[in-house]
Amino acid sequence: MDDTREAVRLRDVVESDLEVFLAQEHDPEAVRRSRFRPRERDAFMAHWRTRILPDPTVLVQAVTVDGETAGSVVTWWAEEDRRFLGYWLGRAYWGRGIATRALTLFLTRETTRPLYADPYTGNTASVRLLEKVGFRRDGTVWHDEDEHVLLVLDDDRPAAQVQDRR
């Protein structure tokens, strides 16, 4: 799997996590890589409090590293028939194997298949990570003027058994 020595865990999101997630969404490098336009504070909080957390069809978990909130992983239904996965980690947690471990843990909880993800084409680290945990390329999609890779996880192998595809 990976050689992360840090304790990577998933847990339910708590109110104090939202401030961390907001700051992460506004990190300029994360915005550049994801091509995701950050929301203003009120819109961000409203989105999480009214659309993410109370929705019983959404599975969302906070990622923690040695007890500190590092980011989130979430799945939701889109287009009424496709379940999508998204994740966000603070920059301090990039490049340390944490996202690999977090997604592997999450994919043992989220068992819906097929499962889709659509990172920005230029975010090669995210594309590689998703492929590493078992997603395969299934085309491209456009969000506004940005091309995104459509990835799908369509088998029933637990993520922990997925081969490292680097």
N, C-alpha and C. Protein backbone atom coordinates (compact mmCIF):
# COMPACT_ATOMS: atom_id res chain seq x y z
N MET A 1 0.84 -1.18 0.00
CA MET A 1 0.00 0.00 0.00
C MET A 1 0.88 1.23 0.00
N ASP A 2 1.08 1.90 1.13
CA ASP A 2 1.99 3.03 1.20
C ASP A 2 2.78 2.91 2.49
N ASP A 3 3.76 3.76 2.65
CA ASP A 3 4.61 3.64 3.82
C ASP A 3 4.37 4.76 4.83
N THR A 4 3.15 5.28 4.84
CA THR A 4 2.80 6.34 5.78
C THR A 4 2.89 5.80 7.20
N ARG A 5 3.65 6.48 8.03
CA ARG A 5 3.76 6.09 9.43
C ARG A 5 2.75 6.83 10.30
N GLU A 6 2.18 7.88 9.75
CA GLU A 6 1.21 8.67 10.48
C GLU A 6 -0.11 7.91 10.57
N ALA A 7 -0.86 8.15 11.63
CA ALA A 7 -2.15 7.50 11.82
C ALA A 7 -3.21 8.24 10.99
N VAL A 8 -3.62 7.64 9.89
CA VAL A 8 -4.64 8.20 9.02
C VAL A 8 -5.96 7.52 9.37
N ARG A 9 -6.96 8.31 9.69
CA ARG A 9 -8.25 7.79 10.11
C ARG A 9 -9.37 8.57 9.41
N LEU A 10 -10.55 7.96 9.38
CA LEU A 10 -11.76 8.61 8.93
C LEU A 10 -12.72 8.69 10.11
N ARG A 11 -13.48 9.77 10.16
CA ARG A 11 -14.51 9.92 11.18
C ARG A 11 -15.60 10.83 10.63
N ASP A 12 -16.72 10.87 11.34
CA ASP A 12 -17.80 11.78 10.95
C ASP A 12 -17.31 13.22 11.04
N VAL A 13 -17.85 14.05 10.18
CA VAL A 13 -17.52 15.47 10.17
C VAL A 13 -18.20 16.14 11.36
N VAL A 14 -17.46 17.00 12.04
CA VAL A 14 -18.01 17.81 13.13
C VAL A 14 -17.96 19.28 12.71
N GLU A 15 -18.73 20.10 13.41
CA GLU A 15 -18.85 21.52 13.06
C GLU A 15 -17.50 22.21 12.92
N SER A 16 -16.57 21.95 13.81
CA SER A 16 -15.27 22.63 13.77
C SER A 16 -14.46 22.27 12.52
N ASP A 17 -14.76 21.14 11.88
CA ASP A 17 -14.08 20.76 10.64
C ASP A 17 -14.37 21.75 9.52
N LEU A 18 -15.54 22.36 9.54
CA LEU A 18 -15.95 23.22 8.43
C LEU A 18 -15.01 24.40 8.25
N GLU A 19 -14.51 24.96 9.34
CA GLU A 19 -13.56 26.07 9.22
C GLU A 19 -12.27 25.61 8.54
N VAL A 20 -11.82 24.40 8.87
CA VAL A 20 -10.62 23.84 8.24
C VAL A 20 -10.88 23.61 6.76
N PHE A 21 -12.03 23.02 6.43
CA PHE A 21 -12.36 22.76 5.03
C PHE A 21 -12.45 24.07 4.23
N LEU A 22 -13.02 25.11 4.83
CA LEU A 22 -13.13 26.40 4.16
C LEU A 22 -11.74 26.96 3.83
N ALA A 23 -10.85 26.92 4.80
CA ALA A 23 -9.48 27.42 4.57
C ALA A 23 -8.80 26.60 3.47
N GLN A 24 -8.99 25.28 3.46
CA GLN A 24 -8.38 24.44 2.44
C GLN A 24 -8.93 24.77 1.06
N GLU A 25 -10.23 25.03 0.97
CA GLU A 25 -10.83 25.35 -0.32
C GLU A 25 -10.31 26.67 -0.88
N HIS A 26 -9.81 27.54 -0.01
CA HIS A 26 -9.31 28.84 -0.45
C HIS A 26 -7.79 28.86 -0.66
N ASP A 27 -7.11 27.75 -0.48
CA ASP A 27 -5.67 27.70 -0.71
C ASP A 27 -5.41 27.94 -2.20
N PRO A 28 -4.62 28.94 -2.56
CA PRO A 28 -4.42 29.29 -3.98
C PRO A 28 -3.88 28.13 -4.82
N GLU A 29 -2.96 27.35 -4.30
CA GLU A 29 -2.42 26.23 -5.07
C GLU A 29 -3.46 25.13 -5.28
N ALA A 30 -4.27 24.88 -4.27
CA ALA A 30 -5.34 23.88 -4.41
C ALA A 30 -6.37 24.35 -5.44
N VAL A 31 -6.68 25.63 -5.43
CA VAL A 31 -7.62 26.18 -6.41
C VAL A 31 -7.05 26.04 -7.82
N ARG A 32 -5.76 26.34 -7.97
CA ARG A 32 -5.12 26.23 -9.29
C ARG A 32 -5.15 24.79 -9.79
N ARG A 33 -4.84 23.86 -8.92
CA ARG A 33 -4.79 22.45 -9.34
C ARG A 33 -6.16 21.85 -9.61
N SER A 34 -7.13 22.21 -8.81
CA SER A 34 -8.45 21.60 -8.93
C SER A 34 -9.33 22.31 -9.95
N ARG A 35 -9.04 23.57 -10.21
CA ARG A 35 -9.88 24.43 -11.06
C ARG A 35 -11.28 24.55 -10.45
N PHE A 36 -11.35 24.49 -9.12
CA PHE A 36 -12.61 24.64 -8.39
C PHE A 36 -12.65 26.05 -7.81
N ARG A 37 -13.68 26.77 -8.14
CA ARG A 37 -13.82 28.15 -7.65
C ARG A 37 -14.27 28.12 -6.19
N PRO A 38 -13.46 28.67 -5.29
CA PRO A 38 -13.84 28.66 -3.88
C PRO A 38 -15.06 29.53 -3.62
N ARG A 39 -15.87 29.06 -2.67
CA ARG A 39 -17.08 29.80 -2.31
C ARG A 39 -16.77 30.79 -1.17
N GLU A 40 -17.54 31.84 -1.13
CA GLU A 40 -17.46 32.76 0.00
C GLU A 40 -17.92 32.01 1.25
N ARG A 41 -17.50 32.49 2.42
CA ARG A 41 -17.75 31.78 3.68
C ARG A 41 -19.22 31.40 3.88
N ASP A 42 -20.14 32.35 3.72
CA ASP A 42 -21.56 32.08 3.97
C ASP A 42 -22.09 31.00 3.02
N ALA A 43 -21.74 31.10 1.76
CA ALA A 43 -22.18 30.10 0.78
C ALA A 43 -21.58 28.73 1.08
N PHE A 44 -20.31 28.72 1.46
CA PHE A 44 -19.64 27.46 1.82
C PHE A 44 -20.35 26.80 2.99
N MET A 45 -20.56 27.56 4.07
CA MET A 45 -21.20 27.01 5.27
C MET A 45 -22.62 26.55 4.97
N ALA A 46 -23.36 27.33 4.21
CA ALA A 46 -24.73 26.94 3.85
C ALA A 46 -24.72 25.63 3.06
N HIS A 47 -23.80 25.50 2.13
CA HIS A 47 -23.71 24.28 1.31
C HIS A 47 -23.49 23.06 2.21
N TRP A 48 -22.51 23.15 3.10
CA TRP A 48 -22.21 22.03 3.99
C TRP A 48 -23.36 21.74 4.97
N ARG A 49 -23.94 22.80 5.53
CA ARG A 49 -24.96 22.62 6.58
C ARG A 49 -26.33 22.24 6.03
N THR A 50 -26.64 22.60 4.78
CA THR A 50 -27.96 22.30 4.25
C THR A 50 -27.98 21.24 3.16
N ARG A 51 -26.83 21.01 2.50
CA ARG A 51 -26.83 20.06 1.39
C ARG A 51 -25.97 18.83 1.63
N ILE A 52 -24.85 18.96 2.33
CA ILE A 52 -23.95 17.83 2.52
C ILE A 52 -24.30 17.05 3.78
N LEU A 53 -24.17 17.70 4.92
CA LEU A 53 -24.31 17.00 6.20
C LEU A 53 -25.70 16.40 6.45
N PRO A 54 -26.79 17.08 6.12
CA PRO A 54 -28.10 16.47 6.43
C PRO A 54 -28.61 15.48 5.39
N ASP A 55 -27.95 15.34 4.26
CA ASP A 55 -28.43 14.48 3.18
C ASP A 55 -28.08 13.03 3.47
N PRO A 56 -29.07 12.18 3.68
CA PRO A 56 -28.79 10.78 4.01
C PRO A 56 -28.18 9.98 2.86
N THR A 57 -28.23 10.53 1.63
CA THR A 57 -27.63 9.82 0.50
C THR A 57 -26.17 10.17 0.30
N VAL A 58 -25.68 11.16 1.04
CA VAL A 58 -24.28 11.58 0.96
C VAL A 58 -23.50 10.85 2.04
N LEU A 59 -22.35 10.29 1.65
CA LEU A 59 -21.42 9.73 2.62
C LEU A 59 -20.23 10.66 2.67
N VAL A 60 -20.00 11.27 3.82
CA VAL A 60 -18.89 12.19 3.97
C VAL A 60 -18.14 11.85 5.24
N GLN A 61 -16.82 11.89 5.15
CA GLN A 61 -15.96 11.60 6.28
C GLN A 61 -14.85 12.62 6.33
N ALA A 62 -14.49 13.00 7.54
CA ALA A 62 -13.30 13.83 7.74
C ALA A 62 -12.10 12.89 7.74
N VAL A 63 -11.02 13.34 7.13
CA VAL A 63 -9.75 12.62 7.17
C VAL A 63 -8.93 13.26 8.28
N THR A 64 -8.41 12.42 9.17
CA THR A 64 -7.54 12.94 10.22
C THR A 64 -6.18 12.27 10.12
N VAL A 65 -5.17 13.01 10.51
CA VAL A 65 -3.80 12.51 10.57
C VAL A 65 -3.28 12.81 11.97
N ASP A 66 -2.97 11.75 12.68
CA ASP A 66 -2.54 11.90 14.08
C ASP A 66 -3.50 12.80 14.86
N GLY A 67 -4.80 12.64 14.58
CA GLY A 67 -5.83 13.37 15.30
C GLY A 67 -6.18 14.74 14.75
N GLU A 68 -5.39 15.27 13.82
CA GLU A 68 -5.64 16.60 13.24
C GLU A 68 -6.49 16.46 11.97
N THR A 69 -7.44 17.37 11.78
CA THR A 69 -8.26 17.35 10.57
C THR A 69 -7.39 17.70 9.37
N ALA A 70 -7.35 16.78 8.41
CA ALA A 70 -6.52 16.94 7.22
C ALA A 70 -7.33 17.21 5.97
N GLY A 71 -8.61 16.86 5.97
CA GLY A 71 -9.43 17.04 4.78
C GLY A 71 -10.70 16.24 4.86
N SER A 72 -11.28 15.97 3.69
CA SER A 72 -12.54 15.24 3.64
C SER A 72 -12.61 14.37 2.40
N VAL A 73 -13.47 13.35 2.48
CA VAL A 73 -13.81 12.51 1.34
C VAL A 73 -15.33 12.41 1.34
N VAL A 74 -15.93 12.50 0.16
CA VAL A 74 -17.38 12.53 0.07
C VAL A 74 -17.85 11.81 -1.20
N THR A 75 -19.01 11.17 -1.10
CA THR A 75 -19.69 10.63 -2.29
C THR A 75 -21.12 11.14 -2.30
N TRP A 76 -21.65 11.35 -3.50
CA TRP A 76 -23.00 11.87 -3.67
C TRP A 76 -23.55 11.37 -4.99
N TRP A 77 -24.88 11.44 -5.12
CA TRP A 77 -25.54 11.08 -6.37
C TRP A 77 -25.63 12.31 -7.26
N ALA A 78 -25.26 12.14 -8.51
CA ALA A 78 -25.37 13.20 -9.52
C ALA A 78 -26.07 12.61 -10.74
N GLU A 79 -26.75 13.46 -11.44
CA GLU A 79 -27.44 13.00 -12.66
C GLU A 79 -28.37 11.84 -12.34
N GLU A 80 -28.78 11.73 -11.09
CA GLU A 80 -29.73 10.75 -10.59
C GLU A 80 -29.30 9.29 -10.70
N ASP A 81 -28.29 9.00 -11.50
CA ASP A 81 -27.92 7.59 -11.64
C ASP A 81 -26.41 7.34 -11.53
N ARG A 82 -25.65 8.37 -11.20
CA ARG A 82 -24.20 8.20 -11.05
C ARG A 82 -23.77 8.70 -9.68
N ARG A 83 -23.00 7.88 -9.01
CA ARG A 83 -22.47 8.26 -7.70
C ARG A 83 -21.03 8.74 -7.91
N PHE A 84 -20.73 9.93 -7.42
CA PHE A 84 -19.42 10.55 -7.59
C PHE A 84 -18.67 10.61 -6.27
N LEU A 85 -17.35 10.56 -6.39
CA LEU A 85 -16.45 10.70 -5.25
C LEU A 85 -15.64 11.98 -5.42
N GLY A 86 -15.46 12.68 -4.32
CA GLY A 86 -14.59 13.84 -4.30
C GLY A 86 -13.80 13.82 -3.00
N TYR A 87 -12.66 14.47 -3.02
CA TYR A 87 -11.86 14.55 -1.80
C TYR A 87 -11.08 15.84 -1.82
N TRP A 88 -10.67 16.27 -0.65
CA TRP A 88 -9.88 17.50 -0.53
C TRP A 88 -8.98 17.35 0.68
N LEU A 89 -7.71 17.53 0.50
CA LEU A 89 -6.76 17.52 1.62
C LEU A 89 -6.02 18.84 1.66
N GLY A 90 -5.72 19.29 2.85
CA GLY A 90 -4.92 20.49 3.01
C GLY A 90 -3.52 20.26 2.44
N ARG A 91 -2.92 21.32 1.93
CA ARG A 91 -1.62 21.21 1.26
C ARG A 91 -0.55 20.59 2.15
N ALA A 92 -0.61 20.80 3.44
CA ALA A 92 0.39 20.22 4.37
C ALA A 92 0.38 18.70 4.34
N TYR A 93 -0.68 18.11 3.79
CA TYR A 93 -0.82 16.65 3.79
C TYR A 93 -0.58 16.03 2.40
N TRP A 94 -0.22 16.83 1.43
CA TRP A 94 0.03 16.31 0.08
C TRP A 94 1.37 15.57 0.03
N GLY A 95 1.45 14.57 -0.84
CA GLY A 95 2.71 13.91 -1.15
C GLY A 95 3.26 13.02 -0.05
N ARG A 96 2.43 12.63 0.90
CA ARG A 96 2.90 11.82 2.02
C ARG A 96 2.20 10.47 2.10
N GLY A 97 1.41 10.10 1.08
CA GLY A 97 0.69 8.83 1.10
C GLY A 97 -0.61 8.88 1.88
N ILE A 98 -0.95 10.03 2.40
CA ILE A 98 -2.14 10.18 3.23
C ILE A 98 -3.41 10.02 2.40
N ALA A 99 -3.46 10.63 1.23
CA ALA A 99 -4.65 10.52 0.39
C ALA A 99 -4.87 9.08 -0.06
N THR A 100 -3.81 8.36 -0.36
CA THR A 100 -3.94 6.96 -0.76
C THR A 100 -4.59 6.17 0.37
N ARG A 101 -4.07 6.35 1.58
CA ARG A 101 -4.62 5.62 2.73
C ARG A 101 -6.07 6.03 3.00
N ALA A 102 -6.35 7.32 2.96
CA ALA A 102 -7.71 7.80 3.23
C ALA A 102 -8.71 7.25 2.21
N LEU A 103 -8.36 7.31 0.92
CA LEU A 103 -9.28 6.80 -0.11
C LEU A 103 -9.44 5.29 0.02
N THR A 104 -8.38 4.59 0.33
CA THR A 104 -8.47 3.14 0.52
C THR A 104 -9.43 2.81 1.66
N LEU A 105 -9.31 3.51 2.76
CA LEU A 105 -10.24 3.32 3.89
C LEU A 105 -11.67 3.66 3.49
N PHE A 106 -11.83 4.78 2.82
CA PHE A 106 -13.16 5.25 2.44
C PHE A 106 -13.84 4.26 1.50
N LEU A 107 -13.09 3.71 0.56
CA LEU A 107 -13.69 2.81 -0.44
C LEU A 107 -14.08 1.46 0.14
N THR A 108 -13.68 1.17 1.36
CA THR A 108 -14.22 -0.02 2.03
C THR A 108 -15.57 0.30 2.65
N ARG A 109 -15.86 1.57 2.89
CA ARG A 109 -17.15 2.00 3.45
C ARG A 109 -18.16 2.31 2.34
N GLU A 110 -17.68 2.95 1.29
CA GLU A 110 -18.53 3.30 0.14
C GLU A 110 -18.45 2.14 -0.84
N THR A 111 -19.50 1.33 -0.89
CA THR A 111 -19.46 0.11 -1.69
C THR A 111 -20.23 0.22 -3.00
N THR A 112 -20.84 1.36 -3.28
CA THR A 112 -21.57 1.54 -4.53
C THR A 112 -20.60 1.46 -5.69
N ARG A 113 -20.93 0.66 -6.67
CA ARG A 113 -20.19 0.57 -7.92
C ARG A 113 -21.21 0.53 -9.04
N PRO A 114 -20.98 1.18 -10.14
CA PRO A 114 -19.78 1.97 -10.40
C PRO A 114 -19.78 3.26 -9.58
N LEU A 115 -18.58 3.78 -9.38
CA LEU A 115 -18.34 5.02 -8.67
C LEU A 115 -17.50 5.89 -9.60
N TYR A 116 -17.84 7.15 -9.71
CA TYR A 116 -17.19 8.05 -10.66
C TYR A 116 -16.41 9.15 -9.95
N ALA A 117 -15.43 9.69 -10.63
CA ALA A 117 -14.68 10.87 -10.20
C ALA A 117 -14.31 11.63 -11.46
N ASP A 118 -14.17 12.95 -11.33
CA ASP A 118 -13.85 13.74 -12.53
C ASP A 118 -12.90 14.90 -12.21
N PRO A 119 -11.65 14.57 -11.87
CA PRO A 119 -10.68 15.63 -11.58
C PRO A 119 -10.29 16.39 -12.84
N TYR A 120 -9.87 17.63 -12.62
CA TYR A 120 -9.36 18.47 -13.70
C TYR A 120 -8.20 17.76 -14.40
N THR A 121 -8.20 17.78 -15.71
CA THR A 121 -7.18 17.10 -16.51
C THR A 121 -5.76 17.50 -16.09
N GLY A 122 -5.55 18.75 -15.76
CA GLY A 122 -4.23 19.23 -15.38
C GLY A 122 -3.80 18.82 -13.98
N ASN A 123 -4.70 18.25 -13.20
CA ASN A 123 -4.36 17.81 -11.85
C ASN A 123 -3.88 16.36 -11.92
N THR A 124 -2.70 16.18 -12.48
CA THR A 124 -2.19 14.83 -12.73
C THR A 124 -1.98 14.04 -11.45
N ALA A 125 -1.66 14.70 -10.34
CA ALA A 125 -1.49 13.97 -9.07
C ALA A 125 -2.81 13.34 -8.64
N SER A 126 -3.91 14.05 -8.80
CA SER A 126 -5.21 13.51 -8.42
C SER A 126 -5.62 12.37 -9.35
N VAL A 127 -5.39 12.54 -10.64
CA VAL A 127 -5.71 11.48 -11.59
C VAL A 127 -4.91 10.22 -11.25
N ARG A 128 -3.61 10.37 -11.00
CA ARG A 128 -2.76 9.22 -10.65
C ARG A 128 -3.24 8.56 -9.37
N LEU A 129 -3.59 9.35 -8.38
CA LEU A 129 -4.07 8.79 -7.11
C LEU A 129 -5.32 7.96 -7.32
N LEU A 130 -6.29 8.49 -8.05
CA LEU A 130 -7.53 7.76 -8.28
C LEU A 130 -7.27 6.47 -9.07
N GLU A 131 -6.37 6.53 -10.03
CA GLU A 131 -6.00 5.30 -10.76
C GLU A 131 -5.32 4.31 -9.82
N LYS A 132 -4.51 4.79 -8.92
CA LYS A 132 -3.80 3.93 -7.98
C LYS A 132 -4.76 3.13 -7.10
N VAL A 133 -5.88 3.75 -6.72
CA VAL A 133 -6.84 3.04 -5.88
C VAL A 133 -7.89 2.28 -6.67
N GLY A 134 -7.73 2.20 -8.00
CA GLY A 134 -8.57 1.31 -8.78
C GLY A 134 -9.45 1.94 -9.84
N PHE A 135 -9.52 3.26 -9.91
CA PHE A 135 -10.33 3.91 -10.94
C PHE A 135 -9.64 3.76 -12.29
N ARG A 136 -10.43 3.73 -13.36
CA ARG A 136 -9.89 3.68 -14.71
C ARG A 136 -10.50 4.83 -15.52
N ARG A 137 -9.75 5.27 -16.53
CA ARG A 137 -10.23 6.36 -17.38
C ARG A 137 -11.40 5.90 -18.23
N ASP A 138 -12.39 6.80 -18.35
CA ASP A 138 -13.59 6.47 -19.11
C ASP A 138 -14.01 7.65 -19.98
N GLY A 139 -13.06 8.50 -20.33
CA GLY A 139 -13.38 9.62 -21.20
C GLY A 139 -13.06 10.94 -20.54
N THR A 140 -13.65 12.00 -21.09
CA THR A 140 -13.47 13.33 -20.52
C THR A 140 -14.84 14.01 -20.46
N VAL A 141 -14.92 14.99 -19.57
CA VAL A 141 -16.12 15.83 -19.44
C VAL A 141 -15.65 17.27 -19.31
N TRP A 142 -16.54 18.18 -19.59
CA TRP A 142 -16.21 19.60 -19.48
C TRP A 142 -17.06 20.23 -18.39
N HIS A 143 -16.41 21.03 -17.56
CA HIS A 143 -17.08 21.87 -16.57
C HIS A 143 -16.68 23.29 -16.92
N ASP A 144 -17.63 24.03 -17.42
CA ASP A 144 -17.37 25.36 -17.96
C ASP A 144 -16.30 25.23 -19.05
N GLU A 145 -15.18 25.95 -18.93
CA GLU A 145 -14.15 25.89 -19.97
C GLU A 145 -13.04 24.90 -19.66
N ASP A 146 -13.21 24.09 -18.61
CA ASP A 146 -12.15 23.18 -18.18
C ASP A 146 -12.47 21.72 -18.48
N GLU A 147 -11.49 21.05 -19.08
CA GLU A 147 -11.63 19.63 -19.37
C GLU A 147 -11.24 18.82 -18.13
N HIS A 148 -12.05 17.81 -17.82
CA HIS A 148 -11.82 16.93 -16.68
C HIS A 148 -11.78 15.48 -17.17
N VAL A 149 -10.99 14.67 -16.49
CA VAL A 149 -10.92 13.24 -16.79
C VAL A 149 -12.07 12.55 -16.07
N LEU A 150 -12.86 11.78 -16.81
CA LEU A 150 -13.90 10.97 -16.18
C LEU A 150 -13.30 9.62 -15.84
N LEU A 151 -13.32 9.29 -14.56
CA LEU A 151 -12.78 8.03 -14.07
C LEU A 151 -13.90 7.22 -13.46
N VAL A 152 -13.77 5.89 -13.54
CA VAL A 152 -14.80 5.02 -12.97
C VAL A 152 -14.15 3.86 -12.23
N LEU A 153 -14.71 3.55 -11.10
CA LEU A 153 -14.36 2.36 -10.33
C LEU A 153 -15.56 1.44 -10.48
N ASP A 154 -15.39 0.38 -11.25
CA ASP A 154 -16.57 -0.41 -11.61
C ASP A 154 -16.47 -1.89 -11.29
N ASP A 155 -15.56 -2.24 -10.40
CA ASP A 155 -15.51 -3.63 -9.99
C ASP A 155 -15.84 -3.74 -8.52
N ASP A 156 -15.96 -4.97 -8.00
CA ASP A 156 -16.27 -5.09 -6.60
C ASP A 156 -15.09 -5.49 -5.74
N ARG A 157 -13.89 -5.32 -6.22
CA ARG A 157 -12.74 -5.59 -5.36
C ARG A 157 -12.64 -4.52 -4.29
N PRO A 158 -12.45 -4.89 -3.04
CA PRO A 158 -12.21 -3.86 -2.03
C PRO A 158 -10.96 -3.07 -2.40
N ALA A 159 -10.96 -1.79 -2.11
CA ALA A 159 -9.83 -0.93 -2.47
C ALA A 159 -8.53 -1.44 -1.89
N ALA A 160 -8.58 -2.06 -0.73
CA ALA A 160 -7.36 -2.55 -0.09
C ALA A 160 -6.68 -3.64 -0.93
N GLN A 161 -7.42 -4.26 -1.83
CA GLN A 161 -6.86 -5.32 -2.66
C GLN A 161 -6.44 -4.82 -4.03
N VAL A 162 -6.64 -3.56 -4.32
CA VAL A 162 -6.27 -3.00 -5.61
C VAL A 162 -4.76 -2.92 -5.70
N GLN A 163 -4.22 -3.32 -6.84
CA GLN A 163 -2.77 -3.29 -7.04
C GLN A 163 -2.27 -1.86 -7.21
N ASP A 164 -1.07 -1.62 -6.78
CA ASP A 164 -0.42 -0.33 -7.01
C ASP A 164 -0.13 -0.23 -8.50
N ARG A 165 -0.69 0.78 -9.16
CA ARG A 165 -0.56 0.89 -10.63
C ARG A 165 0.35 2.03 -11.04
N ARG A 166 1.34 2.36 -10.23
CA ARG A 166 2.26 3.44 -10.59
C ARG A 166 3.08 3.08 -11.78
